C-alpha atoms as a PDB file:
ATOM      1  CA  MET A   1     -27.211  13.457  -8.374  1.00  0.00           C
ATOM      2  CA  GLY A   2     -26.741   9.907  -9.564  1.00  0.00           C
ATOM      3  CA  ALA A   3     -28.317   7.015  -7.719  1.00  0.00           C
ATOM      4  CA  ILE A   4     -25.070   5.040  -7.906  1.00  0.00           C
ATOM      5  CA  ARG A   5     -23.093   7.879  -6.336  1.00  0.00           C
ATOM      6  CA  MET A   6     -25.723   8.246  -3.609  1.00  0.00           C
ATOM      7  CA  LEU A   7     -25.539   4.517  -2.852  1.00  0.00           C
ATOM      8  CA  ARG A   8     -21.736   4.597  -2.715  1.00  0.00           C
ATOM      9  CA  HIS A   9     -21.877   7.427  -0.186  1.00  0.00           C
ATOM     10  CA  VAL A  10     -24.514   5.747   1.954  1.00  0.00           C
ATOM     11  CA  CYS A  11     -22.487   2.528   1.992  1.00  0.00           C
ATOM     12  CA  ALA A  12     -19.230   4.387   2.698  1.00  0.00           C
ATOM     13  CA  GLU A  13     -20.521   6.038   5.860  1.00  0.00           C
ATOM     14  CA  GLY A  14     -18.023   5.142   8.577  1.00  0.00           C
ATOM     15  CA  SER A  15     -15.462   3.771   6.118  1.00  0.00           C
ATOM     16  CA  ALA A  16     -12.847   6.355   7.094  1.00  0.00           C
ATOM     17  CA  ARG A  17     -12.434   4.736  10.506  1.00  0.00           C
ATOM     18  CA  ARG A  18     -12.343   1.236   9.001  1.00  0.00           C
ATOM     19  CA  GLN A  19      -9.759   2.037   6.325  1.00  0.00           C
ATOM     20  CA  PHE A  20      -7.751   4.392   8.543  1.00  0.00           C
ATOM     21  CA  PRO A  21      -7.632   2.832  12.036  1.00  0.00           C
ATOM     22  CA  ALA A  22      -5.559   4.355  14.851  1.00  0.00           C
ATOM     23  CA  ARG A  23      -2.421   2.428  13.834  1.00  0.00           C
ATOM     24  CA  THR A  24      -2.630   3.846  10.306  1.00  0.00           C
ATOM     25  CA  LEU A  25      -3.290   7.356  11.609  1.00  0.00           C
ATOM     26  CA  ASP A  26      -0.200   7.013  13.813  1.00  0.00           C
ATOM     27  CA  ALA A  27       1.920   5.991  10.816  1.00  0.00           C
ATOM     28  CA  ILE A  28       0.648   8.899   8.719  1.00  0.00           C
ATOM     29  CA  GLN A  29       1.248  11.298  11.601  1.00  0.00           C
ATOM     30  CA  HIS A  30       4.863  10.139  11.866  1.00  0.00           C
ATOM     31  CA  ALA A  31       5.358  10.518   8.086  1.00  0.00           C
ATOM     32  CA  VAL A  32       4.005  14.081   8.198  1.00  0.00           C
ATOM     33  CA  ALA A  33       6.197  14.997  11.190  1.00  0.00           C
ATOM     34  CA  ASP A  34       9.310  13.442   9.610  1.00  0.00           C
ATOM     35  CA  GLY A  35       8.673  15.259   6.324  1.00  0.00           C
ATOM     36  CA  GLU A  36       8.242  18.599   8.019  1.00  0.00           C
ATOM     37  CA  LYS A  37      11.795  18.302   9.360  1.00  0.00           C
ATOM     38  CA  ARG A  38      13.069  18.499   5.766  1.00  0.00           C
ATOM     39  CA  HIS A  39      10.921  21.334   4.401  1.00  0.00           C
ATOM     40  CA  SER A  40       9.282  24.564   5.482  1.00  0.00           C
ATOM     41  CA  GLY A  41       5.771  23.544   4.422  1.00  0.00           C
ATOM     42  CA  GLN A  42       2.839  22.382   6.518  1.00  0.00           C
ATOM     43  CA  VAL A  43       1.035  19.189   5.462  1.00  0.00           C
ATOM     44  CA  LEU A  44      -2.433  18.176   6.617  1.00  0.00           C
ATOM     45  CA  PHE A  45      -3.965  14.803   5.720  1.00  0.00           C
ATOM     46  CA  ALA A  46      -7.776  14.599   5.871  1.00  0.00           C
ATOM     47  CA  VAL A  47     -10.051  11.621   5.179  1.00  0.00           C
ATOM     48  CA  GLU A  48     -13.785  11.626   4.661  1.00  0.00           C
ATOM     49  CA  GLY A  49     -15.782   8.462   4.116  1.00  0.00           C
ATOM     50  CA  ALA A  50     -18.768  10.071   2.460  1.00  0.00           C
ATOM     51  CA  LEU A  51     -20.137  13.503   1.747  1.00  0.00           C
ATOM     52  CA  PRO A  52     -22.921  14.919   3.886  1.00  0.00           C
ATOM     53  CA  LEU A  53     -26.357  14.400   2.311  1.00  0.00           C
ATOM     54  CA  HIS A  54     -26.839  18.089   1.509  1.00  0.00           C
ATOM     55  CA  ASP A  55     -23.580  18.086  -0.478  1.00  0.00           C
ATOM     56  CA  LEU A  56     -24.671  14.998  -2.407  1.00  0.00           C
ATOM     57  CA  VAL A  57     -28.027  16.534  -3.255  1.00  0.00           C
ATOM     58  CA  ARG A  58     -26.262  19.666  -4.534  1.00  0.00           C
ATOM     59  CA  GLY A  59     -23.916  17.527  -6.613  1.00  0.00           C
ATOM     60  CA  ARG A  60     -20.776  18.786  -4.887  1.00  0.00           C
ATOM     61  CA  SER A  61     -17.579  17.379  -6.357  1.00  0.00           C
ATOM     62  CA  ALA A  62     -14.683  15.999  -4.343  1.00  0.00           C
ATOM     63  CA  ARG A  63     -12.586  18.968  -5.508  1.00  0.00           C
ATOM     64  CA  ALA A  64     -15.161  21.472  -4.268  1.00  0.00           C
ATOM     65  CA  ARG A  65     -15.391  19.665  -0.936  1.00  0.00           C
ATOM     66  CA  ALA A  66     -11.588  19.643  -0.677  1.00  0.00           C
ATOM     67  CA  ARG A  67     -11.575  23.429  -1.151  1.00  0.00           C
ATOM     68  CA  GLU A  68     -14.137  23.762   1.622  1.00  0.00           C
ATOM     69  CA  VAL A  69     -12.064  21.523   3.926  1.00  0.00           C
ATOM     70  CA  PHE A  70      -8.921  23.498   2.992  1.00  0.00           C
ATOM     71  CA  ALA A  71     -10.629  26.656   4.234  1.00  0.00           C
ATOM     72  CA  HIS A  72     -12.389  25.088   7.225  1.00  0.00           C
ATOM     73  CA  LEU A  73      -9.202  23.497   8.564  1.00  0.00           C
ATOM     74  CA  ARG A  74      -7.325  26.756   7.872  1.00  0.00           C
ATOM     75  CA  VAL A  75      -4.673  25.172   5.695  1.00  0.00           C
ATOM     76  CA  TRP A  76      -4.447  28.526   3.903  1.00  0.00           C
ATOM     77  CA  ASP A  77      -3.635  30.323   7.151  1.00  0.00           C
ATOM     78  CA  THR A  78       0.029  29.398   7.618  1.00  0.00           C
ATOM     79  CA  LYS A  79       2.668  32.020   8.218  1.00  0.00           C
ATOM     80  CA  HIS A  80       4.466  31.503   4.904  1.00  0.00           C
ATOM     81  CA  ASP A  81       1.471  30.443   2.771  1.00  0.00           C
ATOM     82  CA  SER A  82       2.975  26.979   2.934  1.00  0.00           C
ATOM     83  CA  GLY A  83       0.016  24.706   3.634  1.00  0.00           C
ATOM     84  CA  VAL A  84      -0.783  21.569   1.638  1.00  0.00           C
ATOM     85  CA  LEU A  85      -3.947  19.521   2.116  1.00  0.00           C
ATOM     86  CA  ILE A  86      -4.131  15.882   1.089  1.00  0.00           C
ATOM     87  CA  TYR A  87      -7.872  15.185   1.015  1.00  0.00           C
ATOM     88  CA  VAL A  88      -9.263  11.675   0.554  1.00  0.00           C
ATOM     89  CA  LEU A  89     -12.965  11.079  -0.188  1.00  0.00           C
ATOM     90  CA  LEU A  90     -13.397   7.321   0.021  1.00  0.00           C
ATOM     91  CA  ALA A  91     -16.907   7.042  -1.448  1.00  0.00           C
ATOM     92  CA  ASP A  92     -15.827   8.767  -4.676  1.00  0.00           C
ATOM     93  CA  HIS A  93     -12.385   7.102  -4.732  1.00  0.00           C
ATOM     94  CA  ALA A  94     -11.039  10.659  -4.953  1.00  0.00           C
ATOM     95  CA  ILE A  95      -7.805  12.185  -3.744  1.00  0.00           C
ATOM     96  CA  GLU A  96      -7.323  15.936  -4.014  1.00  0.00           C
ATOM     97  CA  ILE A  97      -4.105  17.722  -3.130  1.00  0.00           C
ATOM     98  CA  LEU A  98      -4.473  21.464  -2.627  1.00  0.00           C
ATOM     99  CA  ALA A  99      -1.595  23.830  -1.985  1.00  0.00           C
ATOM    100  CA  ASP A 100      -1.581  27.359  -0.622  1.00  0.00           C
ATOM    101  CA  ARG A 101      -0.526  30.143  -2.969  1.00  0.00           C
ATOM    102  CA  GLY A 102       3.124  30.206  -1.858  1.00  0.00           C
ATOM    103  CA  ILE A 103       3.569  26.586  -2.857  1.00  0.00           C
ATOM    104  CA  ALA A 104       1.150  26.551  -5.789  1.00  0.00           C
ATOM    105  CA  ALA A 105       3.270  29.239  -7.456  1.00  0.00           C
ATOM    106  CA  LYS A 106       6.223  26.810  -7.658  1.00  0.00           C
ATOM    107  CA  VAL A 107       4.680  23.342  -7.936  1.00  0.00           C
ATOM    108  CA  ALA A 108       2.633  22.472 -11.017  1.00  0.00           C
ATOM    109  CA  GLU A 109      -0.833  20.971 -10.577  1.00  0.00           C
ATOM    110  CA  THR A 110       0.288  17.983 -12.647  1.00  0.00           C
ATOM    111  CA  GLU A 111       2.809  17.078  -9.941  1.00  0.00           C
ATOM    112  CA  TRP A 112       0.060  16.942  -7.308  1.00  0.00           C
ATOM    113  CA  GLN A 113      -2.127  14.915  -9.681  1.00  0.00           C
ATOM    114  CA  SER A 114       0.681  12.420 -10.226  1.00  0.00           C
ATOM    115  CA  ILE A 115       1.037  11.893  -6.473  1.00  0.00           C
ATOM    116  CA  ALA A 116      -2.742  11.491  -6.130  1.00  0.00           C
ATOM    117  CA  ALA A 117      -2.777   8.902  -8.936  1.00  0.00           C
ATOM    118  CA  ARG A 118      -0.061   6.842  -7.244  1.00  0.00           C
ATOM    119  CA  MET A 119      -1.968   6.986  -3.964  1.00  0.00           C
ATOM    120  CA  GLN A 120      -5.151   5.971  -5.789  1.00  0.00           C
ATOM    121  CA  ALA A 121      -3.440   2.881  -7.185  1.00  0.00           C
ATOM    122  CA  ARG A 122      -2.308   1.805  -3.698  1.00  0.00           C
ATOM    123  CA  PHE A 123      -5.770   2.448  -2.250  1.00  0.00           C
ATOM    124  CA  ALA A 124      -7.391   0.426  -5.074  1.00  0.00           C
ATOM    125  CA  ALA A 125      -5.153  -2.474  -4.021  1.00  0.00           C
ATOM    126  CA  GLY A 126      -6.416  -2.105  -0.445  1.00  0.00           C
ATOM    127  CA  GLU A 127      -3.092  -0.630   0.732  1.00  0.00           C
ATOM    128  CA  PHE A 128      -4.472   2.440   2.491  1.00  0.00           C
ATOM    129  CA  GLU A 129      -1.684   2.882   5.019  1.00  0.00           C
ATOM    130  CA  GLN A 130       1.145   2.489   2.521  1.00  0.00           C
ATOM    131  CA  GLY A 131      -0.646   4.591  -0.088  1.00  0.00           C
ATOM    132  CA  ALA A 132      -1.152   7.407   2.417  1.00  0.00           C
ATOM    133  CA  ILE A 133       2.455   7.266   3.615  1.00  0.00           C
ATOM    134  CA  ASP A 134       3.752   7.181   0.039  1.00  0.00           C
ATOM    135  CA  GLY A 135       1.613  10.231  -0.732  1.00  0.00           C
ATOM    136  CA  VAL A 136       2.786  12.147   2.324  1.00  0.00           C
ATOM    137  CA  ASN A 137       6.408  11.274   1.508  1.00  0.00           C
ATOM    138  CA  ALA A 138       6.010  12.369  -2.119  1.00  0.00           C
ATOM    139  CA  VAL A 139       4.437  15.675  -1.066  1.00  0.00           C
ATOM    140  CA  GLY A 140       7.260  16.106   1.443  1.00  0.00           C
ATOM    141  CA  ALA A 141       9.877  15.466  -1.243  1.00  0.00           C
ATOM    142  CA  LEU A 142       8.350  18.125  -3.493  1.00  0.00           C
ATOM    143  CA  LEU A 143       8.247  20.580  -0.620  1.00  0.00           C
ATOM    144  CA  ALA A 144      11.843  19.797   0.342  1.00  0.00           C
ATOM    145  CA  LYS A 145      12.887  20.469  -3.248  1.00  0.00           C
ATOM    146  CA  HIS A 146      11.132  23.832  -3.505  1.00  0.00           C
ATOM    147  CA  PHE A 147      10.988  24.875   0.171  1.00  0.00           C
ATOM    148  CA  PRO A 148      13.857  23.208   2.041  1.00  0.00           C
ATOM    149  CA  ALA A 149      14.083  23.594   5.799  1.00  0.00           C
ATOM    150  CA  ASP A 150      16.513  26.290   6.861  1.00  0.00           C
ATOM    151  CA  GLY A 151      17.326  24.751  10.236  1.00  0.00           C
ATOM    152  CA  ALA A 152      15.592  27.495  12.195  1.00  0.00           C
ATOM    153  CA  PRO A 153      13.036  26.419  14.784  1.00  0.00           C
ATOM    154  CA  ARG A 154       9.453  26.951  13.642  1.00  0.00           C
ATOM    155  CA  ASP A 155       5.949  26.462  14.846  1.00  0.00           C
ATOM    156  CA  ASN A 156       3.963  23.442  13.792  1.00  0.00           C
ATOM    157  CA  GLU A 157       0.995  25.416  12.483  1.00  0.00           C
ATOM    158  CA  LEU A 158      -1.158  22.494  11.359  1.00  0.00           C
ATOM    159  CA  PRO A 159      -1.693  19.226  13.209  1.00  0.00           C
ATOM    160  CA  ASP A 160       0.427  16.310  12.046  1.00  0.00           C
ATOM    161  CA  ARG A 161      -2.332  13.913  13.088  1.00  0.00           C
ATOM    162  CA  PRO A 162      -4.667  13.095  10.174  1.00  0.00           C
ATOM    163  CA  VAL A 163      -8.172  14.463  10.451  1.00  0.00           C
ATOM    164  CA  LEU A 164     -11.149  12.139  10.024  1.00  0.00           C
ATOM    165  CA  LEU A 165     -14.129  14.146   8.838  1.00  0.00           C
END
């Protein structure tokens, strides 16, 4: 574990609420809900300011933590294997997009990485709300392309409201 990484995480404690206030969470929630009208996927946006100390000591990566969050928040447990997690770890300046097997079979990892990179650029400019909305919209566009809505009513299996961890 690097001292610089440890310091970043200690200083980032509580940053999720500062960078993603209620107004921003509302905007992201609306973007998720609007996107889910156009596709049959389920999108969950999760933000974490810093890793727990035990994860830092073990050297856990943002990707490994995203996998844990994916499981913990049951993104994998949607009816049509259609869950997508957008995970933001502020202290590491990391964005991970994980898709359930139904979606991962049709959407290349490079497409998710491209969306994450665009979000990262917006976040680096201090544009957290717009970067998050752009990311949600881009994920929604990919899902609409590969998994368009069929017009049938469906359950909202994952919360549209972003999760602050």
